[in-house]
Amino acid sequence: MIDNRKKLLNDKTTMSKQALIIIALLVAIATGLLLVAIRVPYSSLVSSPQTTISIKPPIGQTDLIFGELSLAVSNEDNSTPSATSNVARATTPTYSLPLLINTRRNAVTAVQVELSFDPELLANISIRSGSFFDNPITLLDDIDQTTGRISYALGVGPKDNATRGEGVLLYINFKTKATTPQTTSISFLPKTLVTAEGVPQSVLRSSSPAKFTVPLPY
């Protein structure tokens, strides 16, 4: 009986030692995993190079927008538009509509405008270059008075440099068939484009149509 008790006591002591060893191993493993979890993100953060994000400006930065409609100086001389009240007053006055350009960083070499208008209201349309290009050359001049379509292109001269900045690209001169005030517009078509030095595609960013009422009061 005594031997059995001693044997049982020894078995319990052995099991307790084994349990303590297992617990100690589990604690050691958990501690190791915790240290790894803490150290790895920190070391990765320190050793990883910083990423620099560079934002490049858009290639197309050129805008086309119409200016204010005005009466031309006279029916014969349309070279200088004027909005003053002392212009020559005729039965069918000539109007002048400036098209403005702002290239920002683009060095522009040529502009092609494709426009539509109402041939029932506007007539005798002609286009002349503005002061944006120093010595502009006309590359295309096609005005269809029947369908109401304008195709016009101009660019820098062969010996001139590309142009940056803003100014008057061209003037559209016309008469009106309206006898009473009528609201109409001249709108850009999708084939309108602007070419620039060192850029293979059009740099046109935006274009806004002209909306106005004719005839102007005077």
N, C-alpha and C. Protein backbone atom coordinates (compact mmCIF):
# COMPACT_ATOMS: atom_id res chain seq x y z
N MET A 1 0.83 -1.20 0.00
CA MET A 1 0.00 0.00 0.00
C MET A 1 0.87 1.26 0.00
N ILE A 2 1.93 1.21 0.84
CA ILE A 2 2.87 2.35 0.92
C ILE A 2 3.57 2.53 -0.39
N ASP A 3 3.96 1.42 -1.03
CA ASP A 3 4.66 1.53 -2.33
C ASP A 3 3.75 2.16 -3.36
N ASN A 4 2.50 1.79 -3.35
CA ASN A 4 1.57 2.37 -4.33
C ASN A 4 1.42 3.89 -4.14
N ARG A 5 1.39 4.30 -2.87
CA ARG A 5 1.27 5.73 -2.60
C ARG A 5 2.51 6.49 -3.09
N LYS A 6 3.70 5.91 -2.84
CA LYS A 6 4.94 6.54 -3.31
C LYS A 6 4.96 6.65 -4.83
N LYS A 7 4.52 5.55 -5.48
CA LYS A 7 4.51 5.56 -6.95
C LYS A 7 3.57 6.62 -7.49
N LEU A 8 2.37 6.74 -6.85
CA LEU A 8 1.40 7.73 -7.28
C LEU A 8 1.94 9.14 -7.07
N LEU A 9 2.67 9.34 -5.92
CA LEU A 9 3.24 10.66 -5.64
C LEU A 9 4.31 11.02 -6.64
N ASN A 10 5.11 10.00 -6.98
CA ASN A 10 6.18 10.25 -7.97
C ASN A 10 5.58 10.59 -9.35
N ASP A 11 4.48 9.91 -9.72
CA ASP A 11 3.84 10.18 -11.02
C ASP A 11 3.30 11.62 -11.07
N LYS A 12 2.69 12.04 -9.95
CA LYS A 12 2.15 13.41 -9.91
C LYS A 12 3.27 14.43 -10.02
N THR A 13 4.40 14.15 -9.33
CA THR A 13 5.54 15.08 -9.38
C THR A 13 6.10 15.18 -10.79
N THR A 14 6.17 14.01 -11.47
CA THR A 14 6.69 14.00 -12.85
C THR A 14 5.77 14.78 -13.77
N MET A 15 4.46 14.59 -13.64
CA MET A 15 3.50 15.30 -14.48
C MET A 15 3.56 16.81 -14.23
N SER A 16 3.75 17.21 -12.97
CA SER A 16 3.85 18.64 -12.66
C SER A 16 5.07 19.26 -13.32
N LYS A 17 6.20 18.52 -13.28
CA LYS A 17 7.41 19.04 -13.92
C LYS A 17 7.22 19.17 -15.43
N GLN A 18 6.58 18.17 -16.04
CA GLN A 18 6.34 18.22 -17.48
C GLN A 18 5.42 19.41 -17.85
N ALA A 19 4.39 19.63 -17.01
CA ALA A 19 3.48 20.74 -17.27
C ALA A 19 4.20 22.07 -17.16
N LEU A 20 5.09 22.19 -16.16
CA LEU A 20 5.86 23.42 -16.00
C LEU A 20 6.78 23.66 -17.19
N ILE A 21 7.37 22.59 -17.71
CA ILE A 21 8.28 22.71 -18.86
C ILE A 21 7.49 23.17 -20.10
N ILE A 22 6.31 22.56 -20.29
CA ILE A 22 5.47 22.93 -21.45
C ILE A 22 5.04 24.39 -21.35
N ILE A 23 4.63 24.80 -20.13
CA ILE A 23 4.22 26.19 -19.94
C ILE A 23 5.37 27.15 -20.22
N ALA A 24 6.56 26.77 -19.73
CA ALA A 24 7.73 27.62 -19.95
C ALA A 24 8.05 27.75 -21.44
N LEU A 25 7.92 26.63 -22.17
CA LEU A 25 8.17 26.68 -23.62
C LEU A 25 7.16 27.57 -24.33
N LEU A 26 5.88 27.44 -23.94
CA LEU A 26 4.86 28.27 -24.56
C LEU A 26 5.10 29.75 -24.29
N VAL A 27 5.49 30.08 -23.06
CA VAL A 27 5.78 31.48 -22.73
C VAL A 27 6.95 31.99 -23.56
N ALA A 28 7.99 31.15 -23.73
CA ALA A 28 9.16 31.56 -24.51
C ALA A 28 8.79 31.80 -25.97
N ILE A 29 7.96 30.90 -26.52
CA ILE A 29 7.54 31.06 -27.92
C ILE A 29 6.71 32.33 -28.10
N ALA A 30 5.78 32.56 -27.19
CA ALA A 30 4.93 33.75 -27.28
C ALA A 30 5.77 35.02 -27.17
N THR A 31 6.76 35.01 -26.27
CA THR A 31 7.64 36.18 -26.12
C THR A 31 8.43 36.45 -27.39
N GLY A 32 8.94 35.35 -28.00
CA GLY A 32 9.70 35.50 -29.24
C GLY A 32 8.86 36.07 -30.37
N LEU A 33 7.64 35.57 -30.50
CA LEU A 33 6.74 36.07 -31.54
C LEU A 33 6.41 37.55 -31.33
N LEU A 34 6.21 37.93 -30.06
CA LEU A 34 5.91 39.32 -29.75
C LEU A 34 7.06 40.24 -30.12
N LEU A 35 8.29 39.80 -29.82
CA LEU A 35 9.46 40.62 -30.17
C LEU A 35 9.60 40.78 -31.67
N VAL A 36 9.36 39.71 -32.41
CA VAL A 36 9.43 39.78 -33.88
C VAL A 36 8.39 40.74 -34.42
N ALA A 37 7.17 40.65 -33.88
CA ALA A 37 6.10 41.51 -34.35
C ALA A 37 6.40 42.98 -34.09
N ILE A 38 7.12 43.27 -33.00
CA ILE A 38 7.44 44.66 -32.68
C ILE A 38 8.61 45.17 -33.51
N ARG A 39 9.63 44.33 -33.71
CA ARG A 39 10.85 44.80 -34.37
C ARG A 39 10.72 44.89 -35.89
N VAL A 40 10.01 44.00 -36.54
CA VAL A 40 9.97 43.96 -38.00
C VAL A 40 9.39 45.22 -38.61
N PRO A 41 8.22 45.71 -38.18
CA PRO A 41 7.70 46.95 -38.79
C PRO A 41 8.62 48.13 -38.61
N TYR A 42 9.27 48.22 -37.45
CA TYR A 42 10.16 49.33 -37.19
C TYR A 42 11.38 49.29 -38.10
N SER A 43 11.99 48.10 -38.23
CA SER A 43 13.16 47.98 -39.09
C SER A 43 12.79 48.23 -40.55
N SER A 44 11.59 47.78 -40.95
CA SER A 44 11.16 48.01 -42.32
C SER A 44 10.96 49.49 -42.58
N LEU A 45 10.43 50.20 -41.58
CA LEU A 45 10.18 51.63 -41.73
C LEU A 45 11.49 52.40 -41.84
N VAL A 46 12.49 51.98 -41.08
CA VAL A 46 13.77 52.68 -41.08
C VAL A 46 14.53 52.41 -42.37
N SER A 47 14.51 51.16 -42.84
CA SER A 47 15.32 50.79 -44.00
C SER A 47 14.67 51.14 -45.32
N SER A 48 13.34 51.36 -45.37
CA SER A 48 12.66 51.64 -46.63
C SER A 48 12.94 53.07 -47.07
N PRO A 49 13.33 53.28 -48.34
CA PRO A 49 13.56 54.65 -48.82
C PRO A 49 12.25 55.41 -48.95
N GLN A 50 12.32 56.73 -48.78
CA GLN A 50 11.12 57.55 -48.89
C GLN A 50 10.73 57.71 -50.36
N THR A 51 9.42 57.63 -50.63
CA THR A 51 8.92 57.76 -51.99
C THR A 51 8.55 59.21 -52.27
N THR A 52 9.13 59.77 -53.35
CA THR A 52 8.85 61.15 -53.74
C THR A 52 7.84 61.17 -54.87
N ILE A 53 6.73 61.86 -54.68
CA ILE A 53 5.69 61.96 -55.69
C ILE A 53 5.83 63.29 -56.42
N SER A 54 6.08 63.21 -57.73
CA SER A 54 6.20 64.43 -58.53
C SER A 54 4.96 64.60 -59.40
N ILE A 55 4.35 65.77 -59.34
CA ILE A 55 3.15 66.06 -60.12
C ILE A 55 3.54 66.91 -61.32
N LYS A 56 3.36 66.36 -62.50
CA LYS A 56 3.69 67.08 -63.72
C LYS A 56 2.49 67.89 -64.21
N PRO A 57 2.74 69.10 -64.67
CA PRO A 57 1.62 69.90 -65.20
C PRO A 57 1.08 69.27 -66.48
N PRO A 58 -0.19 69.46 -66.78
CA PRO A 58 -0.76 68.89 -68.00
C PRO A 58 -0.09 69.46 -69.24
N ILE A 59 0.00 68.65 -70.30
CA ILE A 59 0.65 69.10 -71.53
C ILE A 59 -0.17 70.21 -72.19
N GLY A 60 -1.47 69.98 -72.32
CA GLY A 60 -2.33 70.98 -72.94
C GLY A 60 -2.74 72.06 -71.97
N GLN A 61 -2.27 73.30 -72.20
CA GLN A 61 -2.58 74.41 -71.30
C GLN A 61 -3.16 75.61 -72.03
N THR A 62 -3.48 75.46 -73.30
CA THR A 62 -3.92 76.59 -74.10
C THR A 62 -5.44 76.70 -74.14
N ASP A 63 -5.94 77.91 -73.91
CA ASP A 63 -7.38 78.17 -73.94
C ASP A 63 -7.72 79.13 -75.08
N LEU A 64 -8.87 78.90 -75.69
CA LEU A 64 -9.41 79.80 -76.71
C LEU A 64 -10.77 80.30 -76.22
N ILE A 65 -10.94 81.61 -76.24
CA ILE A 65 -12.19 82.19 -75.77
C ILE A 65 -12.49 83.45 -76.56
N PHE A 66 -13.74 83.64 -76.90
CA PHE A 66 -14.13 84.82 -77.65
C PHE A 66 -14.22 86.04 -76.73
N GLY A 67 -13.88 87.20 -77.32
CA GLY A 67 -14.00 88.44 -76.60
C GLY A 67 -15.36 89.07 -76.83
N GLU A 68 -15.44 90.37 -76.64
CA GLU A 68 -16.72 91.08 -76.74
C GLU A 68 -17.00 91.52 -78.17
N LEU A 69 -18.21 91.28 -78.61
CA LEU A 69 -18.63 91.70 -79.95
C LEU A 69 -18.70 93.22 -80.01
N SER A 70 -18.25 93.79 -81.12
CA SER A 70 -18.29 95.25 -81.28
C SER A 70 -18.55 95.60 -82.73
N LEU A 71 -18.82 96.86 -82.97
CA LEU A 71 -18.98 97.37 -84.33
C LEU A 71 -17.62 97.71 -84.89
N ALA A 72 -17.40 97.36 -86.15
CA ALA A 72 -16.16 97.75 -86.79
C ALA A 72 -16.19 99.24 -87.09
N VAL A 73 -15.03 99.82 -87.38
CA VAL A 73 -14.94 101.26 -87.62
C VAL A 73 -15.79 101.67 -88.81
N SER A 74 -15.75 100.88 -89.88
CA SER A 74 -16.56 101.19 -91.04
C SER A 74 -16.78 99.91 -91.82
N ASN A 75 -17.64 99.96 -92.80
CA ASN A 75 -17.91 98.79 -93.62
C ASN A 75 -16.74 98.45 -94.53
N GLU A 76 -15.93 99.44 -94.87
CA GLU A 76 -14.81 99.18 -95.76
C GLU A 76 -13.54 98.84 -95.00
N ASP A 77 -13.32 99.51 -93.88
CA ASP A 77 -12.09 99.30 -93.12
C ASP A 77 -12.42 98.55 -91.84
N ASN A 78 -12.11 97.25 -91.81
CA ASN A 78 -12.40 96.42 -90.64
C ASN A 78 -11.15 96.15 -89.82
N SER A 79 -10.11 96.94 -90.03
CA SER A 79 -8.82 96.62 -89.42
C SER A 79 -8.80 96.86 -87.93
N THR A 80 -9.61 97.79 -87.43
CA THR A 80 -9.60 98.10 -86.01
C THR A 80 -11.01 98.13 -85.47
N PRO A 81 -11.42 97.09 -84.71
CA PRO A 81 -12.77 97.09 -84.16
C PRO A 81 -12.91 98.11 -83.05
N SER A 82 -14.12 98.60 -82.86
CA SER A 82 -14.34 99.59 -81.82
C SER A 82 -15.72 99.39 -81.21
N ALA A 83 -15.82 99.61 -79.90
CA ALA A 83 -17.10 99.49 -79.20
C ALA A 83 -17.64 100.86 -78.82
N THR A 84 -17.00 101.91 -79.28
CA THR A 84 -17.44 103.25 -78.92
C THR A 84 -18.68 103.64 -79.70
N SER A 85 -19.32 104.71 -79.26
CA SER A 85 -20.60 105.10 -79.85
C SER A 85 -20.44 105.92 -81.12
N ASN A 86 -19.21 106.43 -81.41
CA ASN A 86 -19.03 107.29 -82.57
C ASN A 86 -18.53 106.52 -83.80
N VAL A 87 -18.89 105.23 -83.91
CA VAL A 87 -18.51 104.44 -85.07
C VAL A 87 -19.40 104.84 -86.23
N ALA A 88 -18.93 104.44 -87.41
CA ALA A 88 -19.74 104.74 -88.59
C ALA A 88 -21.02 103.94 -88.55
N ARG A 89 -22.13 104.62 -88.69
CA ARG A 89 -23.42 103.96 -88.63
C ARG A 89 -23.94 103.77 -90.05
N ALA A 90 -24.20 102.51 -90.38
CA ALA A 90 -24.67 102.20 -91.73
C ALA A 90 -25.93 101.37 -91.61
N THR A 91 -26.57 101.19 -92.75
CA THR A 91 -27.80 100.40 -92.76
C THR A 91 -27.52 98.96 -92.34
N THR A 92 -26.42 98.41 -92.86
CA THR A 92 -26.01 97.06 -92.47
C THR A 92 -24.58 97.14 -91.93
N PRO A 93 -24.42 97.44 -90.65
CA PRO A 93 -23.06 97.61 -90.08
C PRO A 93 -22.29 96.30 -90.05
N THR A 94 -20.98 96.44 -90.02
CA THR A 94 -20.09 95.29 -89.90
C THR A 94 -19.71 95.10 -88.43
N TYR A 95 -19.82 93.88 -87.98
CA TYR A 95 -19.45 93.54 -86.61
C TYR A 95 -18.10 92.85 -86.58
N SER A 96 -17.43 92.95 -85.46
CA SER A 96 -16.12 92.32 -85.29
C SER A 96 -16.09 91.56 -83.97
N LEU A 97 -15.71 90.30 -84.05
CA LEU A 97 -15.67 89.44 -82.87
C LEU A 97 -14.25 88.90 -82.69
N PRO A 98 -13.54 89.30 -81.63
CA PRO A 98 -12.17 88.83 -81.42
C PRO A 98 -12.13 87.44 -80.78
N LEU A 99 -11.16 86.64 -81.22
CA LEU A 99 -10.90 85.35 -80.60
C LEU A 99 -9.58 85.46 -79.84
N LEU A 100 -9.64 85.26 -78.54
CA LEU A 100 -8.47 85.42 -77.67
C LEU A 100 -7.81 84.07 -77.40
N ILE A 101 -6.51 84.11 -77.15
CA ILE A 101 -5.74 82.89 -76.85
C ILE A 101 -4.88 83.12 -75.63
N ASN A 102 -4.75 82.09 -74.80
CA ASN A 102 -3.85 82.10 -73.64
C ASN A 102 -3.13 80.76 -73.64
N THR A 103 -1.82 80.78 -73.90
CA THR A 103 -1.06 79.53 -74.07
C THR A 103 -0.43 79.04 -72.78
N ARG A 104 -0.28 79.91 -71.78
CA ARG A 104 0.44 79.57 -70.55
C ARG A 104 1.84 79.04 -70.91
N ARG A 105 2.16 77.80 -70.58
CA ARG A 105 3.51 77.30 -70.82
C ARG A 105 3.73 76.77 -72.24
N ASN A 106 2.68 76.61 -73.00
CA ASN A 106 2.82 76.06 -74.35
C ASN A 106 3.44 77.09 -75.30
N ALA A 107 4.44 76.64 -76.06
CA ALA A 107 5.04 77.48 -77.11
C ALA A 107 4.33 77.15 -78.41
N VAL A 108 3.35 77.96 -78.76
CA VAL A 108 2.42 77.64 -79.85
C VAL A 108 3.02 78.01 -81.21
N THR A 109 2.83 77.09 -82.16
CA THR A 109 3.31 77.31 -83.52
C THR A 109 2.19 77.54 -84.53
N ALA A 110 1.00 77.01 -84.27
CA ALA A 110 -0.12 77.18 -85.20
C ALA A 110 -1.43 76.89 -84.49
N VAL A 111 -2.51 77.45 -85.04
CA VAL A 111 -3.86 77.22 -84.50
C VAL A 111 -4.80 77.00 -85.67
N GLN A 112 -5.60 75.96 -85.57
CA GLN A 112 -6.67 75.72 -86.55
C GLN A 112 -8.00 75.76 -85.83
N VAL A 113 -8.86 76.68 -86.28
CA VAL A 113 -10.19 76.79 -85.67
C VAL A 113 -11.23 76.26 -86.65
N GLU A 114 -12.10 75.42 -86.12
CA GLU A 114 -13.25 74.91 -86.87
C GLU A 114 -14.49 75.42 -86.16
N LEU A 115 -15.27 76.23 -86.84
CA LEU A 115 -16.39 76.92 -86.20
C LEU A 115 -17.69 76.72 -86.98
N SER A 116 -18.78 76.84 -86.26
CA SER A 116 -20.10 76.79 -86.89
C SER A 116 -20.88 78.04 -86.51
N PHE A 117 -21.72 78.52 -87.45
CA PHE A 117 -22.55 79.69 -87.20
C PHE A 117 -23.89 79.51 -87.92
N ASP A 118 -24.82 80.37 -87.62
CA ASP A 118 -26.14 80.30 -88.24
C ASP A 118 -26.14 81.15 -89.52
N PRO A 119 -26.17 80.52 -90.68
CA PRO A 119 -26.14 81.30 -91.94
C PRO A 119 -27.42 82.08 -92.19
N GLU A 120 -28.46 81.80 -91.43
CA GLU A 120 -29.70 82.56 -91.57
C GLU A 120 -29.62 83.92 -90.88
N LEU A 121 -28.64 84.07 -89.97
CA LEU A 121 -28.49 85.33 -89.24
C LEU A 121 -27.20 86.07 -89.57
N LEU A 122 -26.12 85.34 -89.87
CA LEU A 122 -24.82 85.97 -90.12
C LEU A 122 -24.43 85.81 -91.58
N ALA A 123 -23.84 86.86 -92.14
CA ALA A 123 -23.47 86.84 -93.56
C ALA A 123 -22.19 87.63 -93.77
N ASN A 124 -21.65 87.51 -95.00
CA ASN A 124 -20.44 88.26 -95.38
C ASN A 124 -19.31 88.07 -94.36
N ILE A 125 -19.08 86.85 -93.96
CA ILE A 125 -18.08 86.57 -92.94
C ILE A 125 -16.68 86.60 -93.54
N SER A 126 -15.78 87.23 -92.84
CA SER A 126 -14.36 87.25 -93.21
C SER A 126 -13.53 87.18 -91.94
N ILE A 127 -12.29 86.72 -92.09
CA ILE A 127 -11.41 86.55 -90.93
C ILE A 127 -10.06 87.21 -91.23
N ARG A 128 -9.53 87.86 -90.23
CA ARG A 128 -8.19 88.42 -90.34
C ARG A 128 -7.42 88.12 -89.05
N SER A 129 -6.14 88.04 -89.17
CA SER A 129 -5.30 87.68 -88.03
C SER A 129 -5.22 88.83 -87.03
N GLY A 130 -4.98 88.46 -85.78
CA GLY A 130 -4.79 89.45 -84.72
C GLY A 130 -3.32 89.71 -84.49
N SER A 131 -2.99 90.15 -83.29
CA SER A 131 -1.62 90.54 -82.97
C SER A 131 -0.85 89.49 -82.18
N PHE A 132 -1.44 88.31 -81.96
CA PHE A 132 -0.77 87.31 -81.13
C PHE A 132 0.53 86.84 -81.78
N PHE A 133 0.48 86.46 -83.06
CA PHE A 133 1.70 86.10 -83.81
C PHE A 133 2.28 87.37 -84.43
N ASP A 134 3.59 87.49 -84.39
CA ASP A 134 4.23 88.69 -84.94
C ASP A 134 4.04 88.79 -86.45
N ASN A 135 4.34 87.73 -87.16
CA ASN A 135 4.21 87.71 -88.62
C ASN A 135 3.46 86.45 -89.04
N PRO A 136 2.16 86.40 -88.75
CA PRO A 136 1.41 85.17 -89.01
C PRO A 136 1.25 84.89 -90.49
N ILE A 137 1.20 83.61 -90.80
CA ILE A 137 0.89 83.19 -92.16
C ILE A 137 -0.43 82.42 -92.13
N THR A 138 -1.26 82.63 -93.13
CA THR A 138 -2.54 81.94 -93.21
C THR A 138 -2.33 80.58 -93.87
N LEU A 139 -2.71 79.53 -93.17
CA LEU A 139 -2.54 78.17 -93.66
C LEU A 139 -3.82 77.61 -94.28
N LEU A 140 -4.95 78.11 -93.84
CA LEU A 140 -6.24 77.63 -94.33
C LEU A 140 -7.27 78.72 -94.15
N ASP A 141 -8.08 78.94 -95.19
CA ASP A 141 -9.13 79.96 -95.11
C ASP A 141 -10.32 79.49 -95.95
N ASP A 142 -11.23 78.81 -95.30
CA ASP A 142 -12.38 78.23 -95.99
C ASP A 142 -13.65 78.58 -95.20
N ILE A 143 -14.49 79.41 -95.78
CA ILE A 143 -15.72 79.84 -95.13
C ILE A 143 -16.90 79.46 -96.02
N ASP A 144 -17.76 78.62 -95.51
CA ASP A 144 -18.94 78.18 -96.27
C ASP A 144 -20.15 78.96 -95.75
N GLN A 145 -20.58 79.94 -96.50
CA GLN A 145 -21.70 80.79 -96.09
C GLN A 145 -23.03 80.04 -96.16
N THR A 146 -23.05 78.93 -96.90
CA THR A 146 -24.31 78.19 -97.05
C THR A 146 -24.57 77.25 -95.88
N THR A 147 -23.53 76.50 -95.50
CA THR A 147 -23.69 75.53 -94.40
C THR A 147 -23.38 76.12 -93.04
N GLY A 148 -22.75 77.29 -93.02
CA GLY A 148 -22.40 77.90 -91.74
C GLY A 148 -21.18 77.26 -91.10
N ARG A 149 -20.13 77.05 -91.90
CA ARG A 149 -18.93 76.38 -91.41
C ARG A 149 -17.69 77.22 -91.73
N ILE A 150 -16.82 77.37 -90.73
CA ILE A 150 -15.56 78.10 -90.90
C ILE A 150 -14.40 77.16 -90.60
N SER A 151 -13.44 77.12 -91.53
CA SER A 151 -12.19 76.39 -91.31
C SER A 151 -11.05 77.38 -91.56
N TYR A 152 -10.35 77.72 -90.52
CA TYR A 152 -9.31 78.75 -90.65
C TYR A 152 -8.11 78.34 -89.80
N ALA A 153 -6.91 78.48 -90.38
CA ALA A 153 -5.69 78.14 -89.66
C ALA A 153 -4.62 79.19 -89.94
N LEU A 154 -3.86 79.50 -88.91
CA LEU A 154 -2.73 80.42 -89.05
C LEU A 154 -1.62 79.98 -88.14
N GLY A 155 -0.40 80.41 -88.45
CA GLY A 155 0.73 80.00 -87.64
C GLY A 155 1.88 80.97 -87.75
N VAL A 156 2.98 80.65 -87.07
CA VAL A 156 4.16 81.51 -87.11
C VAL A 156 4.82 81.42 -88.48
N GLY A 157 5.56 82.46 -88.83
CA GLY A 157 6.30 82.46 -90.08
C GLY A 157 7.45 81.47 -90.04
N PRO A 158 7.99 81.11 -91.20
CA PRO A 158 9.06 80.10 -91.26
C PRO A 158 10.32 80.49 -90.49
N LYS A 159 10.56 81.79 -90.29
CA LYS A 159 11.75 82.24 -89.59
C LYS A 159 11.44 82.71 -88.17
N ASP A 160 10.20 82.59 -87.77
CA ASP A 160 9.80 83.08 -86.45
C ASP A 160 9.81 81.96 -85.42
N ASN A 161 9.90 82.35 -84.17
CA ASN A 161 9.87 81.40 -83.07
C ASN A 161 8.44 81.15 -82.61
N ALA A 162 8.24 80.03 -81.92
CA ALA A 162 6.94 79.74 -81.32
C ALA A 162 6.59 80.82 -80.30
N THR A 163 5.30 81.01 -80.08
CA THR A 163 4.83 82.12 -79.25
C THR A 163 4.15 81.62 -77.98
N ARG A 164 4.50 82.25 -76.86
CA ARG A 164 3.82 82.01 -75.58
C ARG A 164 3.11 83.29 -75.14
N GLY A 165 2.10 83.10 -74.31
CA GLY A 165 1.43 84.26 -73.73
C GLY A 165 -0.04 84.33 -74.10
N GLU A 166 -0.57 85.53 -74.11
CA GLU A 166 -1.98 85.72 -74.43
C GLU A 166 -2.16 86.94 -75.30
N GLY A 167 -3.24 86.95 -76.07
CA GLY A 167 -3.50 88.06 -76.96
C GLY A 167 -4.66 87.74 -77.89
N VAL A 168 -4.83 88.60 -78.90
CA VAL A 168 -5.90 88.40 -79.88
C VAL A 168 -5.35 87.53 -81.02
N LEU A 169 -5.93 86.35 -81.18
CA LEU A 169 -5.49 85.44 -82.23
C LEU A 169 -6.00 85.89 -83.59
N LEU A 170 -7.30 86.24 -83.66
CA LEU A 170 -7.90 86.64 -84.93
C LEU A 170 -9.21 87.41 -84.66
N TYR A 171 -9.72 88.00 -85.72
CA TYR A 171 -11.01 88.69 -85.67
C TYR A 171 -11.94 88.06 -86.71
N ILE A 172 -13.18 87.84 -86.33
CA ILE A 172 -14.22 87.40 -87.27
C ILE A 172 -15.13 88.59 -87.55
N ASN A 173 -15.15 89.02 -88.78
CA ASN A 173 -16.00 90.15 -89.18
C ASN A 173 -17.21 89.63 -89.95
N PHE A 174 -18.37 90.23 -89.71
CA PHE A 174 -19.58 89.77 -90.40
C PHE A 174 -20.66 90.83 -90.35
N LYS A 175 -21.67 90.63 -91.16
CA LYS A 175 -22.89 91.43 -91.12
C LYS A 175 -24.03 90.53 -90.63
N THR A 176 -25.13 91.12 -90.30
CA THR A 176 -26.25 90.33 -89.85
C THR A 176 -27.46 90.53 -90.76
N LYS A 177 -28.23 89.47 -90.90
CA LYS A 177 -29.47 89.53 -91.68
C LYS A 177 -30.66 89.90 -90.79
N ALA A 178 -30.43 89.90 -89.49
CA ALA A 178 -31.53 90.14 -88.55
C ALA A 178 -31.95 91.60 -88.58
N THR A 179 -33.25 91.83 -88.58
CA THR A 179 -33.79 93.19 -88.51
C THR A 179 -34.32 93.52 -87.12
N THR A 180 -34.55 92.48 -86.37
CA THR A 180 -34.94 92.64 -84.96
C THR A 180 -33.93 91.86 -84.11
N PRO A 181 -33.74 92.20 -82.85
CA PRO A 181 -32.73 91.53 -82.02
C PRO A 181 -32.91 90.00 -82.00
N GLN A 182 -31.84 89.30 -82.32
CA GLN A 182 -31.83 87.84 -82.34
C GLN A 182 -30.58 87.35 -81.60
N THR A 183 -30.73 86.34 -80.77
CA THR A 183 -29.58 85.75 -80.06
C THR A 183 -29.04 84.59 -80.88
N THR A 184 -27.74 84.57 -81.09
CA THR A 184 -27.12 83.52 -81.87
C THR A 184 -25.75 83.19 -81.26
N SER A 185 -25.01 82.33 -81.92
CA SER A 185 -23.71 81.92 -81.38
C SER A 185 -22.77 81.50 -82.49
N ILE A 186 -21.48 81.53 -82.18
CA ILE A 186 -20.43 80.93 -83.01
C ILE A 186 -19.73 79.92 -82.12
N SER A 187 -19.78 78.65 -82.53
CA SER A 187 -19.32 77.56 -81.66
C SER A 187 -18.13 76.82 -82.27
N PHE A 188 -17.29 76.28 -81.39
CA PHE A 188 -16.15 75.48 -81.81
C PHE A 188 -16.60 74.07 -82.19
N LEU A 189 -15.95 73.53 -83.20
CA LEU A 189 -16.17 72.14 -83.61
C LEU A 189 -14.99 71.28 -83.15
N PRO A 190 -15.18 69.95 -83.07
CA PRO A 190 -14.16 69.07 -82.50
C PRO A 190 -12.79 69.12 -83.17
N LYS A 191 -12.72 69.50 -84.45
CA LYS A 191 -11.42 69.48 -85.14
C LYS A 191 -10.55 70.70 -84.82
N THR A 192 -11.02 71.59 -83.99
CA THR A 192 -10.19 72.72 -83.56
C THR A 192 -8.97 72.21 -82.81
N LEU A 193 -7.79 72.71 -83.14
CA LEU A 193 -6.57 72.23 -82.49
C LEU A 193 -5.52 73.33 -82.42
N VAL A 194 -4.55 73.11 -81.51
CA VAL A 194 -3.44 74.04 -81.33
C VAL A 194 -2.16 73.21 -81.29
N THR A 195 -1.19 73.56 -82.14
CA THR A 195 0.08 72.84 -82.14
C THR A 195 1.12 73.65 -81.39
N ALA A 196 2.03 72.93 -80.72
CA ALA A 196 3.05 73.59 -79.91
C ALA A 196 4.40 72.92 -80.12
N GLU A 197 5.43 73.65 -79.86
CA GLU A 197 6.80 73.18 -80.03
C GLU A 197 7.09 72.02 -79.08
N GLY A 198 7.57 70.90 -79.65
CA GLY A 198 7.96 69.76 -78.83
C GLY A 198 6.83 68.89 -78.34
N VAL A 199 5.61 69.12 -78.80
CA VAL A 199 4.45 68.34 -78.36
C VAL A 199 3.79 67.72 -79.58
N PRO A 200 3.65 66.38 -79.63
CA PRO A 200 3.10 65.73 -80.83
C PRO A 200 1.59 65.88 -80.99
N GLN A 201 0.86 66.16 -79.91
CA GLN A 201 -0.60 66.27 -80.00
C GLN A 201 -1.05 67.69 -79.75
N SER A 202 -2.33 67.92 -79.96
CA SER A 202 -2.89 69.25 -79.74
C SER A 202 -2.78 69.64 -78.26
N VAL A 203 -2.45 70.90 -78.03
CA VAL A 203 -2.31 71.39 -76.65
C VAL A 203 -3.52 72.22 -76.22
N LEU A 204 -4.60 72.15 -77.00
CA LEU A 204 -5.81 72.88 -76.64
C LEU A 204 -6.43 72.28 -75.38
N ARG A 205 -6.60 73.12 -74.36
CA ARG A 205 -7.20 72.66 -73.11
C ARG A 205 -8.71 72.92 -73.07
N SER A 206 -9.12 74.11 -73.51
CA SER A 206 -10.55 74.44 -73.47
C SER A 206 -10.85 75.48 -74.55
N SER A 207 -12.11 75.50 -74.96
CA SER A 207 -12.59 76.50 -75.92
C SER A 207 -14.04 76.83 -75.58
N SER A 208 -14.35 78.10 -75.57
CA SER A 208 -15.69 78.54 -75.18
C SER A 208 -16.38 79.24 -76.35
N PRO A 209 -17.63 78.92 -76.62
CA PRO A 209 -18.35 79.54 -77.74
C PRO A 209 -18.70 80.99 -77.45
N ALA A 210 -19.02 81.72 -78.52
CA ALA A 210 -19.48 83.10 -78.37
C ALA A 210 -21.00 83.14 -78.49
N LYS A 211 -21.66 83.76 -77.54
CA LYS A 211 -23.10 83.95 -77.59
C LYS A 211 -23.39 85.44 -77.53
N PHE A 212 -24.18 85.94 -78.46
CA PHE A 212 -24.41 87.37 -78.54
C PHE A 212 -25.75 87.64 -79.22
N THR A 213 -26.17 88.88 -79.16
CA THR A 213 -27.42 89.33 -79.77
C THR A 213 -27.12 90.34 -80.87
N VAL A 214 -27.71 90.14 -82.02
CA VAL A 214 -27.58 91.09 -83.14
C VAL A 214 -28.98 91.49 -83.63
N PRO A 215 -29.13 92.66 -84.19
CA PRO A 215 -28.08 93.72 -84.27
C PRO A 215 -27.85 94.38 -82.92
N LEU A 216 -26.61 94.91 -82.75
CA LEU A 216 -26.30 95.64 -81.52
C LEU A 216 -27.03 96.98 -81.51
N PRO A 217 -27.47 97.45 -80.37
CA PRO A 217 -28.09 98.77 -80.30
C PRO A 217 -27.05 99.87 -80.50
N TYR A 218 -27.41 100.90 -81.21
CA TYR A 218 -26.49 102.02 -81.38
C TYR A 218 -27.24 103.31 -81.69
